[in-house]
Structure formats: structure tokens, C-alpha cells
């Protein structure tokens, strides 16, 4: 059984609320358990925030595309922006002593720890997060 949902939002920080509602509705529809729900909410909203701020540079004429796919073993989210992309392999380590006081730079680190798998595509314009369903 594979089911999917899609959402497209203009790049405005206020639209994070729409993403939160999308995730809440998906939780009800697909019966996510509470353990995975918290990880999904944080990782997906963080990646959408990154897409808005870093990818699309807060340009409300550019959209963030969010898709959700659910099957018997995984819940997958794909977030894609319309920006220039980035090299995810060249991000500074937020746990390095020289970076501990930086106000930003922890988003991707956090996402990688909350999702079971994280893949970057389209030169960093797209992130796919996979969460394993506890069976």
C-alpha cells in the first residue's frame, strides 16, 4: 500500500504553519505513532525553513514543494526549493568547538539525526528524508 500527498507553498516563514497542519493531517490519515511524529515534525519543518530561507532566499515568488509518501515500512518526505542548491558535503560541523557558539548551522545536523535516512538530490535543492515505520 503506497499513498502520497503533495503541498506547494510560497517561500514565506509564516507558511511553516501550513506545513505543521499538513503533518498533523498526515498523522491522522496514516496513523503515525507518537515517537516518529515528533521527529517528523522537527525534521520536516526545519528542512522547509531551510528551503525558504537558504534555498529560495525568502522570495515569495518561489515555491517550496513538499511531498509525502507512505508505504508499509517507510514514511518519506521530499522537500524541494527553487534556489541554486548547495553542497551538503561542505557544511561546517556544528559540534566542532569553533562552531558551538554559532547561532545557526545545526539544521542539517539535526535532520540527519532525526530521520532514518537523508538523501540530497538536484545539487542540494532537494532533500529526501525517510522514517522507518515501527512494525
Protein backbone atom coordinates (compact mmCIF):
# COMPACT_ATOMS: atom_id res chain seq x y z
CA UNK A 1 0.00 0.00 0.00
CA UNK A 2 1.62 3.24 -1.16
CA UNK A 3 -0.11 6.57 -0.57
CA UNK A 4 1.11 10.08 -1.21
CA UNK A 5 0.22 13.73 -0.59
CA UNK A 6 1.69 16.92 -2.03
CA UNK A 7 1.86 20.53 -0.89
CA UNK A 8 3.25 23.66 -2.55
CA UNK A 9 3.77 26.85 -0.56
CA UNK A 10 5.22 30.29 -1.37
CA UNK A 11 8.53 30.99 0.39
CA UNK A 12 7.32 32.88 3.45
CA UNK A 13 8.23 31.83 7.01
CA UNK A 14 4.58 32.19 8.10
CA UNK A 15 3.77 29.23 5.82
CA UNK A 16 5.55 26.90 8.26
CA UNK A 17 2.12 26.76 9.99
CA UNK A 18 0.66 25.25 6.81
CA UNK A 19 3.39 22.60 6.84
CA UNK A 20 2.67 21.81 10.51
CA UNK A 21 -1.04 21.35 9.66
CA UNK A 22 -0.07 19.16 6.68
CA UNK A 23 1.97 16.92 9.01
CA UNK A 24 -0.81 16.84 11.63
CA UNK A 25 -3.33 15.82 8.97
CA UNK A 26 -0.96 13.15 7.65
CA UNK A 27 -0.51 11.82 11.20
CA UNK A 28 -4.28 11.37 11.49
CA UNK A 29 -4.67 9.94 7.99
CA UNK A 30 -1.77 7.49 8.13
CA UNK A 31 -1.73 6.84 11.89
CA UNK A 32 1.90 7.80 12.61
CA UNK A 33 2.90 6.74 16.09
CA UNK A 34 3.83 9.50 18.54
CA UNK A 35 7.54 8.59 18.63
CA UNK A 36 8.02 9.09 14.91
CA UNK A 37 5.64 12.08 14.75
CA UNK A 38 7.92 14.32 16.84
CA UNK A 39 10.95 13.51 14.70
CA UNK A 40 8.96 14.12 11.52
CA UNK A 41 7.58 17.45 12.73
CA UNK A 42 11.00 18.81 13.68
CA UNK A 43 12.92 17.46 10.67
CA UNK A 44 10.34 18.45 8.05
CA UNK A 45 9.68 21.94 9.40
CA UNK A 46 13.44 22.52 9.69
CA UNK A 47 14.02 21.43 6.09
CA UNK A 48 11.13 23.58 4.81
CA UNK A 49 12.54 26.52 6.79
CA UNK A 50 15.95 25.90 5.16
CA UNK A 51 14.31 25.76 1.73
CA UNK A 52 12.54 29.08 2.34
CA UNK A 53 15.47 30.96 3.91
CA UNK A 54 18.58 29.45 2.30
CA UNK A 55 17.23 27.92 -0.90
CA UNK A 56 14.68 30.46 -2.07
CA UNK A 57 16.17 33.42 -0.12
CA UNK A 58 12.71 34.36 1.28
CA UNK A 59 11.49 35.12 -2.27
CA UNK A 60 7.72 34.70 -2.05
CA UNK A 61 7.63 34.29 -5.85
CA UNK A 62 9.50 31.00 -5.42
CA UNK A 63 7.78 27.94 -4.01
CA UNK A 64 8.73 25.10 -1.72
CA UNK A 65 7.40 21.73 -2.84
CA UNK A 66 6.67 19.11 -0.19
CA UNK A 67 5.61 15.56 -0.89
CA UNK A 68 4.84 12.73 1.45
CA UNK A 69 4.82 9.07 0.54
CA UNK A 70 3.75 6.29 2.88
CA UNK A 71 4.12 2.55 2.43
CA UNK A 72 4.14 -0.40 4.79
CA UNK A 73 7.70 0.17 6.01
CA UNK A 74 8.56 3.86 5.43
CA UNK A 75 7.28 7.39 5.60
CA UNK A 76 9.19 9.56 3.13
CA UNK A 77 9.19 13.33 2.77
CA UNK A 78 10.76 15.19 -0.15
CA UNK A 79 11.27 18.95 0.14
CA UNK A 80 12.41 20.84 -2.95
CA UNK A 81 13.17 24.53 -3.36
CA UNK A 82 13.69 26.67 -6.46
CA UNK A 83 17.08 28.04 -5.40
CA UNK A 84 20.62 27.39 -6.62
CA UNK A 85 21.32 24.45 -4.34
CA UNK A 86 24.29 23.83 -2.07
CA UNK A 87 26.95 21.23 -1.40
CA UNK A 88 25.75 19.31 1.66
CA UNK A 89 29.19 17.69 1.99
CA UNK A 90 30.86 21.04 2.71
CA UNK A 91 28.82 22.13 5.71
CA UNK A 92 30.78 23.01 8.84
CA UNK A 93 30.44 20.55 11.72
CA UNK A 94 28.19 22.26 14.30
CA UNK A 95 29.72 20.12 17.05
CA UNK A 96 33.27 21.38 16.38
CA UNK A 97 34.48 23.66 19.20
CA UNK A 98 34.87 26.68 16.90
CA UNK A 99 31.21 26.37 15.80
CA UNK A 100 29.49 25.76 19.13
CA UNK A 101 28.60 29.42 19.66
CA UNK A 102 27.26 29.98 16.13
CA UNK A 103 23.53 30.77 16.16
CA UNK A 104 22.84 28.70 13.02
CA UNK A 105 24.26 25.76 11.17
CA UNK A 106 22.60 22.95 13.10
CA UNK A 107 19.59 22.25 10.87
CA UNK A 108 21.06 19.60 8.57
CA UNK A 109 22.90 18.03 11.53
CA UNK A 110 19.59 17.80 13.39
CA UNK A 111 17.72 16.42 10.38
CA UNK A 112 20.34 13.71 9.89
CA UNK A 113 19.85 12.59 13.50
CA UNK A 114 16.04 12.61 13.43
CA UNK A 115 15.44 10.84 10.10
CA UNK A 116 16.50 7.25 9.48
CA UNK A 117 17.84 8.14 6.02
CA UNK A 118 18.64 11.52 4.43
CA UNK A 119 19.46 11.99 0.75
CA UNK A 120 20.25 15.18 -1.15
CA UNK A 121 19.40 15.47 -4.85
CA UNK A 122 19.41 18.16 -7.55
CA UNK A 123 22.63 19.75 -6.25
CA UNK A 124 21.13 20.23 -2.80
CA UNK A 125 17.83 21.74 -3.96
CA UNK A 126 16.02 18.62 -2.83
CA UNK A 127 16.18 16.66 0.41
CA UNK A 128 14.55 13.29 0.94
CA UNK A 129 14.01 12.09 4.49
CA UNK A 130 12.94 8.55 5.23
CA UNK A 131 11.47 7.49 8.55
CA UNK A 132 11.11 3.76 9.26
CA UNK A 133 7.72 2.67 10.47
CA UNK A 134 7.95 0.58 13.62
CA UNK A 135 6.38 -2.78 12.88
